[in-house]
Amino acid sequence: MNIIERHINARNRENSFRYKHFVGFNYITKYYRWELIEQDYDDNKFADCAIACNAHYLATNDKHFNILKRITFPKVNVISVDEFK
């Protein structure tokens, strides 16, 4: 079960159909936990999903993700939300 499915099952099962209709939305199943962010362990699920889906960028203003800029493998390109616009 992936992160979105767990969220849907836990909080909003009756409205889960609407998540499937987002443009550019894909279900991602992560098979490995990289645990790259030590300052805020809960942020790792987003980094793991970015790695699992080969995302070009991870857009965030969360300072905990800055550690990913210094890690060469697996490479995650972290940009600010302003840079994403």
C-alpha atoms as a PDB file:
ATOM      1  CA  MET A   1       0.000   0.000   0.000  1.00  0.00           C
ATOM      2  CA  ASN A   2       1.482   3.372  -0.960  1.00  0.00           C
ATOM      3  CA  ILE A   3       1.426   6.666   0.928  1.00  0.00           C
ATOM      4  CA  ILE A   4      -1.615   8.109  -0.857  1.00  0.00           C
ATOM      5  CA  GLU A   5      -3.602   4.912  -0.371  1.00  0.00           C
ATOM      6  CA  ARG A   6      -2.768   4.879   3.356  1.00  0.00           C
ATOM      7  CA  HIS A   7      -3.893   8.500   3.637  1.00  0.00           C
ATOM      8  CA  ILE A   8      -7.087   7.764   1.735  1.00  0.00           C
ATOM      9  CA  ASN A   9      -7.844   4.660   3.778  1.00  0.00           C
ATOM     10  CA  ALA A  10      -7.191   6.387   7.073  1.00  0.00           C
ATOM     11  CA  ARG A  11      -8.974   9.688   6.468  1.00  0.00           C
ATOM     12  CA  ASN A  12     -11.149   9.815   3.408  1.00  0.00           C
ATOM     13  CA  ARG A  13     -12.101   6.450   1.959  1.00  0.00           C
ATOM     14  CA  GLU A  14     -15.460   7.589   0.563  1.00  0.00           C
ATOM     15  CA  ASN A  15     -13.858  10.372  -1.530  1.00  0.00           C
ATOM     16  CA  SER A  16     -10.832   8.409  -2.742  1.00  0.00           C
ATOM     17  CA  PHE A  17     -12.046   8.391  -6.338  1.00  0.00           C
ATOM     18  CA  ARG A  18     -11.213  12.070  -6.753  1.00  0.00           C
ATOM     19  CA  TYR A  19      -7.467  11.484  -6.251  1.00  0.00           C
ATOM     20  CA  LYS A  20      -7.383   9.257  -9.327  1.00  0.00           C
ATOM     21  CA  HIS A  21      -8.568  12.082 -11.595  1.00  0.00           C
ATOM     22  CA  PHE A  22      -5.745  14.583 -10.981  1.00  0.00           C
ATOM     23  CA  VAL A  23      -3.845  15.487 -14.135  1.00  0.00           C
ATOM     24  CA  GLY A  24      -0.354  14.005 -13.985  1.00  0.00           C
ATOM     25  CA  PHE A  25      -1.151  11.966 -10.878  1.00  0.00           C
ATOM     26  CA  ASN A  26       0.382   8.515 -10.526  1.00  0.00           C
ATOM     27  CA  TYR A  27       0.368   6.038  -7.708  1.00  0.00           C
ATOM     28  CA  ILE A  28       3.930   5.367  -6.549  1.00  0.00           C
ATOM     29  CA  THR A  29       4.921   2.352  -4.506  1.00  0.00           C
ATOM     30  CA  LYS A  30       8.253   2.742  -2.790  1.00  0.00           C
ATOM     31  CA  TYR A  31      10.128  -0.469  -2.205  1.00  0.00           C
ATOM     32  CA  TYR A  32      13.046   0.924  -0.249  1.00  0.00           C
ATOM     33  CA  ARG A  33      13.360   3.450   2.584  1.00  0.00           C
ATOM     34  CA  TRP A  34      16.392   5.644   2.026  1.00  0.00           C
ATOM     35  CA  GLU A  35      15.961   7.576   5.316  1.00  0.00           C
ATOM     36  CA  LEU A  36      18.079  10.477   4.042  1.00  0.00           C
ATOM     37  CA  ILE A  37      16.528  13.194   6.216  1.00  0.00           C
ATOM     38  CA  GLU A  38      17.514  12.780   9.847  1.00  0.00           C
ATOM     39  CA  GLN A  39      16.268  16.131  11.172  1.00  0.00           C
ATOM     40  CA  ASP A  40      12.604  15.309  10.484  1.00  0.00           C
ATOM     41  CA  TYR A  41      12.041  11.611   9.891  1.00  0.00           C
ATOM     42  CA  ASP A  42       8.488  12.206   8.633  1.00  0.00           C
ATOM     43  CA  ASP A  43       9.856  14.107   5.609  1.00  0.00           C
ATOM     44  CA  ASN A  44      11.530  10.957   4.294  1.00  0.00           C
ATOM     45  CA  LYS A  45       8.316   9.671   2.721  1.00  0.00           C
ATOM     46  CA  PHE A  46       8.398  12.569   0.247  1.00  0.00           C
ATOM     47  CA  ALA A  47      12.074  12.070  -0.588  1.00  0.00           C
ATOM     48  CA  ASP A  48      11.506   8.318  -1.004  1.00  0.00           C
ATOM     49  CA  CYS A  49       8.598   8.924  -3.388  1.00  0.00           C
ATOM     50  CA  ALA A  50      10.653  11.428  -5.409  1.00  0.00           C
ATOM     51  CA  ILE A  51      13.391   8.796  -5.769  1.00  0.00           C
ATOM     52  CA  ALA A  52      10.941   5.972  -6.553  1.00  0.00           C
ATOM     53  CA  CYS A  53       9.279   7.893  -9.377  1.00  0.00           C
ATOM     54  CA  ASN A  54      12.495   9.437 -10.737  1.00  0.00           C
ATOM     55  CA  ALA A  55      11.131  12.937 -10.170  1.00  0.00           C
ATOM     56  CA  HIS A  56      12.999  15.729 -11.893  1.00  0.00           C
ATOM     57  CA  TYR A  57      12.463  18.034  -8.907  1.00  0.00           C
ATOM     58  CA  LEU A  58      11.128  18.075  -5.387  1.00  0.00           C
ATOM     59  CA  ALA A  59       9.659  21.526  -4.719  1.00  0.00           C
ATOM     60  CA  THR A  60       9.541  22.542  -1.059  1.00  0.00           C
ATOM     61  CA  ASN A  61      10.314  25.383   1.307  1.00  0.00           C
ATOM     62  CA  ASP A  62      11.036  22.958   4.148  1.00  0.00           C
ATOM     63  CA  LYS A  63      14.634  23.488   5.290  1.00  0.00           C
ATOM     64  CA  HIS A  64      15.007  19.836   6.281  1.00  0.00           C
ATOM     65  CA  PHE A  65      15.209  18.903   2.596  1.00  0.00           C
ATOM     66  CA  ASN A  66      18.404  20.967   2.132  1.00  0.00           C
ATOM     67  CA  ILE A  67      20.448  17.913   3.123  1.00  0.00           C
ATOM     68  CA  LEU A  68      19.381  16.331  -0.166  1.00  0.00           C
ATOM     69  CA  LYS A  69      21.267  19.021  -2.077  1.00  0.00           C
ATOM     70  CA  ARG A  70      24.537  17.648  -0.651  1.00  0.00           C
ATOM     71  CA  ILE A  71      23.837  13.972  -1.318  1.00  0.00           C
ATOM     72  CA  THR A  72      25.028  12.734  -4.710  1.00  0.00           C
ATOM     73  CA  PHE A  73      23.299   9.349  -4.670  1.00  0.00           C
ATOM     74  CA  PRO A  74      20.430   8.971  -4.970  1.00  0.00           C
ATOM     75  CA  LYS A  75      20.216  12.426  -6.522  1.00  0.00           C
ATOM     76  CA  VAL A  76      17.140  14.480  -5.644  1.00  0.00           C
ATOM     77  CA  ASN A  77      16.979  17.981  -7.099  1.00  0.00           C
ATOM     78  CA  VAL A  78      15.409  20.134  -4.410  1.00  0.00           C
ATOM     79  CA  ILE A  79      14.078  23.543  -5.425  1.00  0.00           C
ATOM     80  CA  SER A  80      12.036  26.161  -3.605  1.00  0.00           C
ATOM     81  CA  VAL A  81       8.382  26.655  -4.371  1.00  0.00           C
ATOM     82  CA  ASP A  82       9.246  30.072  -5.844  1.00  0.00           C
ATOM     83  CA  GLU A  83      11.752  28.468  -8.236  1.00  0.00           C
ATOM     84  CA  PHE A  84       9.056  25.999  -9.304  1.00  0.00           C
ATOM     85  CA  LYS A  85       6.679  28.773 -10.385  1.00  0.00           C
END
